[in-house]
């Protein structure tokens, strides 16, 4: 990677097949694709810049920004600025500030709420059908 005339050598984790299965499982729970990919990527590294997430996940910058904003709003990640070669604009890097269990609990609670809402709607329909006597 070249920044301001300097060549910087760094390694980027690329999601492997097991990671993509994990992403698929998260997607099946209703988690947005960009959030699932970013969650899995950050769970594999200590910290990462948006550019590293972009390379490692194949997401575009706007998709990463949306995922980062969602995770920041839920207080799942921290960010900090680092200087590269003490020149140019600082780079923002992201890392988890909560254990993955906290994130699992969030989605588990959401799934329970969604289920309860569905059951409530079905029961409301049953009551309406009985009142109208459609049978």
Protein backbone atom coordinates (compact mmCIF):
# COMPACT_ATOMS: atom_id res chain seq x y z
CA UNK A 1 0.00 0.00 0.00
CA UNK A 2 1.35 3.43 -0.85
CA UNK A 3 0.63 6.45 1.33
CA UNK A 4 2.01 9.85 0.39
CA UNK A 5 5.05 8.49 -1.40
CA UNK A 6 5.82 5.86 1.24
CA UNK A 7 5.40 2.18 0.62
CA UNK A 8 3.83 0.47 3.61
CA UNK A 9 3.95 -3.30 4.01
CA UNK A 10 1.12 -4.87 5.99
CA UNK A 11 -0.84 -8.10 6.14
CA UNK A 12 -4.59 -8.32 5.82
CA UNK A 13 -6.65 -11.26 7.06
CA UNK A 14 -8.94 -12.63 4.36
CA UNK A 15 -12.10 -14.44 5.41
CA UNK A 16 -11.77 -18.19 4.85
CA UNK A 17 -14.40 -20.85 4.18
CA UNK A 18 -15.19 -21.38 7.89
CA UNK A 19 -15.65 -17.62 8.32
CA UNK A 20 -18.07 -17.56 5.38
CA UNK A 21 -20.10 -20.39 6.96
CA UNK A 22 -20.27 -18.28 10.13
CA UNK A 23 -21.40 -15.27 8.05
CA UNK A 24 -24.06 -17.44 6.39
CA UNK A 25 -25.34 -18.59 9.80
CA UNK A 26 -25.53 -14.98 10.98
CA UNK A 27 -27.39 -14.01 7.80
CA UNK A 28 -29.90 -16.80 8.45
CA UNK A 29 -30.63 -15.11 11.78
CA UNK A 30 -31.56 -11.95 9.91
CA UNK A 31 -28.32 -10.04 10.40
CA UNK A 32 -27.50 -7.71 7.52
CA UNK A 33 -24.75 -8.95 5.20
CA UNK A 34 -22.44 -5.99 5.79
CA UNK A 35 -22.80 -6.27 9.57
CA UNK A 36 -22.26 -10.05 9.52
CA UNK A 37 -19.12 -9.80 7.37
CA UNK A 38 -17.68 -6.97 9.48
CA UNK A 39 -18.49 -8.79 12.74
CA UNK A 40 -16.77 -11.96 11.58
CA UNK A 41 -13.77 -10.05 10.24
CA UNK A 42 -13.27 -8.08 13.48
CA UNK A 43 -13.68 -11.27 15.52
CA UNK A 44 -10.59 -12.65 13.73
CA UNK A 45 -8.25 -9.69 14.29
CA UNK A 46 -7.17 -7.54 17.21
CA UNK A 47 -8.01 -4.33 15.35
CA UNK A 48 -8.50 -3.23 11.75
CA UNK A 49 -8.86 -0.13 9.62
CA UNK A 50 -11.74 0.34 7.20
CA UNK A 51 -9.38 -0.39 4.34
CA UNK A 52 -8.31 -3.70 5.90
CA UNK A 53 -11.96 -4.64 6.44
CA UNK A 54 -12.67 -3.68 2.82
CA UNK A 55 -9.89 -5.91 1.49
CA UNK A 56 -10.63 -8.80 3.88
CA UNK A 57 -14.40 -8.92 3.35
CA UNK A 58 -14.92 -7.63 -0.18
CA UNK A 59 -17.32 -4.98 1.11
CA UNK A 60 -17.30 -1.44 -0.26
CA UNK A 61 -16.51 1.54 1.94
CA UNK A 62 -20.14 2.73 2.31
CA UNK A 63 -21.20 -0.76 3.42
CA UNK A 64 -18.43 -0.84 6.01
CA UNK A 65 -19.39 2.61 7.28
CA UNK A 66 -22.99 1.48 7.81
CA UNK A 67 -21.84 -1.65 9.66
CA UNK A 68 -19.38 0.33 11.79
CA UNK A 69 -22.08 2.90 12.64
CA UNK A 70 -24.50 0.13 13.64
CA UNK A 71 -21.90 -1.55 15.85
CA UNK A 72 -20.82 1.80 17.34
CA UNK A 73 -24.43 2.71 18.13
CA UNK A 74 -24.72 -0.58 20.02
CA UNK A 75 -21.40 0.13 21.78
CA UNK A 76 -19.81 -3.09 20.51
CA UNK A 77 -16.65 -1.52 19.07
CA UNK A 78 -14.09 1.11 19.94
CA UNK A 79 -12.11 3.18 17.52
CA UNK A 80 -8.85 5.02 17.83
CA UNK A 81 -6.65 7.08 15.55
CA UNK A 82 -3.12 6.00 14.68
CA UNK A 83 -0.44 7.86 12.78
CA UNK A 84 1.28 6.14 9.89
CA UNK A 85 4.86 7.36 9.38
CA UNK A 86 3.92 10.53 11.28
CA UNK A 87 2.74 12.06 8.00
CA UNK A 88 -0.62 12.53 6.43
CA UNK A 89 -4.01 11.93 7.85
CA UNK A 90 -4.32 9.61 10.88
CA UNK A 91 -5.87 6.22 10.29
CA UNK A 92 -8.90 5.10 12.32
CA UNK A 93 -8.80 1.49 13.52
CA UNK A 94 -11.64 -0.50 15.07
CA UNK A 95 -11.74 -3.27 17.65
CA UNK A 96 -14.34 -5.06 19.75
CA UNK A 97 -14.89 -3.66 23.23
CA UNK A 98 -17.39 -6.35 24.25
CA UNK A 99 -17.19 -10.13 24.10
CA UNK A 100 -18.95 -11.88 21.20
CA UNK A 101 -21.36 -13.35 23.76
CA UNK A 102 -22.82 -9.84 24.21
CA UNK A 103 -23.52 -9.64 20.50
CA UNK A 104 -25.03 -13.15 20.46
CA UNK A 105 -27.26 -12.16 23.38
CA UNK A 106 -28.44 -9.07 21.46
CA UNK A 107 -29.53 -11.19 18.49
CA UNK A 108 -30.99 -13.90 20.71
CA UNK A 109 -33.15 -11.31 22.47
CA UNK A 110 -34.16 -9.86 19.10
CA UNK A 111 -35.16 -13.32 17.85
CA UNK A 112 -37.28 -13.91 20.97
CA UNK A 113 -39.00 -10.53 20.55
CA UNK A 114 -39.68 -11.22 16.87
CA UNK A 115 -41.12 -14.62 17.77
CA UNK A 116 -43.36 -13.15 20.48
CA UNK A 117 -44.61 -10.47 18.07
CA UNK A 118 -45.43 -13.12 15.47
CA UNK A 119 -47.35 -15.23 18.00
CA UNK A 120 -49.26 -12.14 19.15
CA UNK A 121 -50.24 -11.29 15.56
CA UNK A 122 -51.36 -14.88 14.92
CA UNK A 123 -53.48 -14.83 18.08
CA UNK A 124 -55.02 -11.51 17.01
CA UNK A 125 -55.91 -13.06 13.66
CA UNK A 126 -57.50 -16.05 15.40
CA UNK A 127 -59.67 -13.72 17.47
CA UNK A 128 -60.73 -11.77 14.37
CA UNK A 129 -61.56 -14.98 12.50
CA UNK A 130 -63.66 -16.25 15.43
CA UNK A 131 -65.54 -12.92 15.64
CA UNK A 132 -66.30 -12.92 11.90
CA UNK A 133 -67.11 -16.64 11.96
CA UNK A 134 -65.46 -17.37 8.61
CA UNK A 135 -66.01 -21.08 9.08
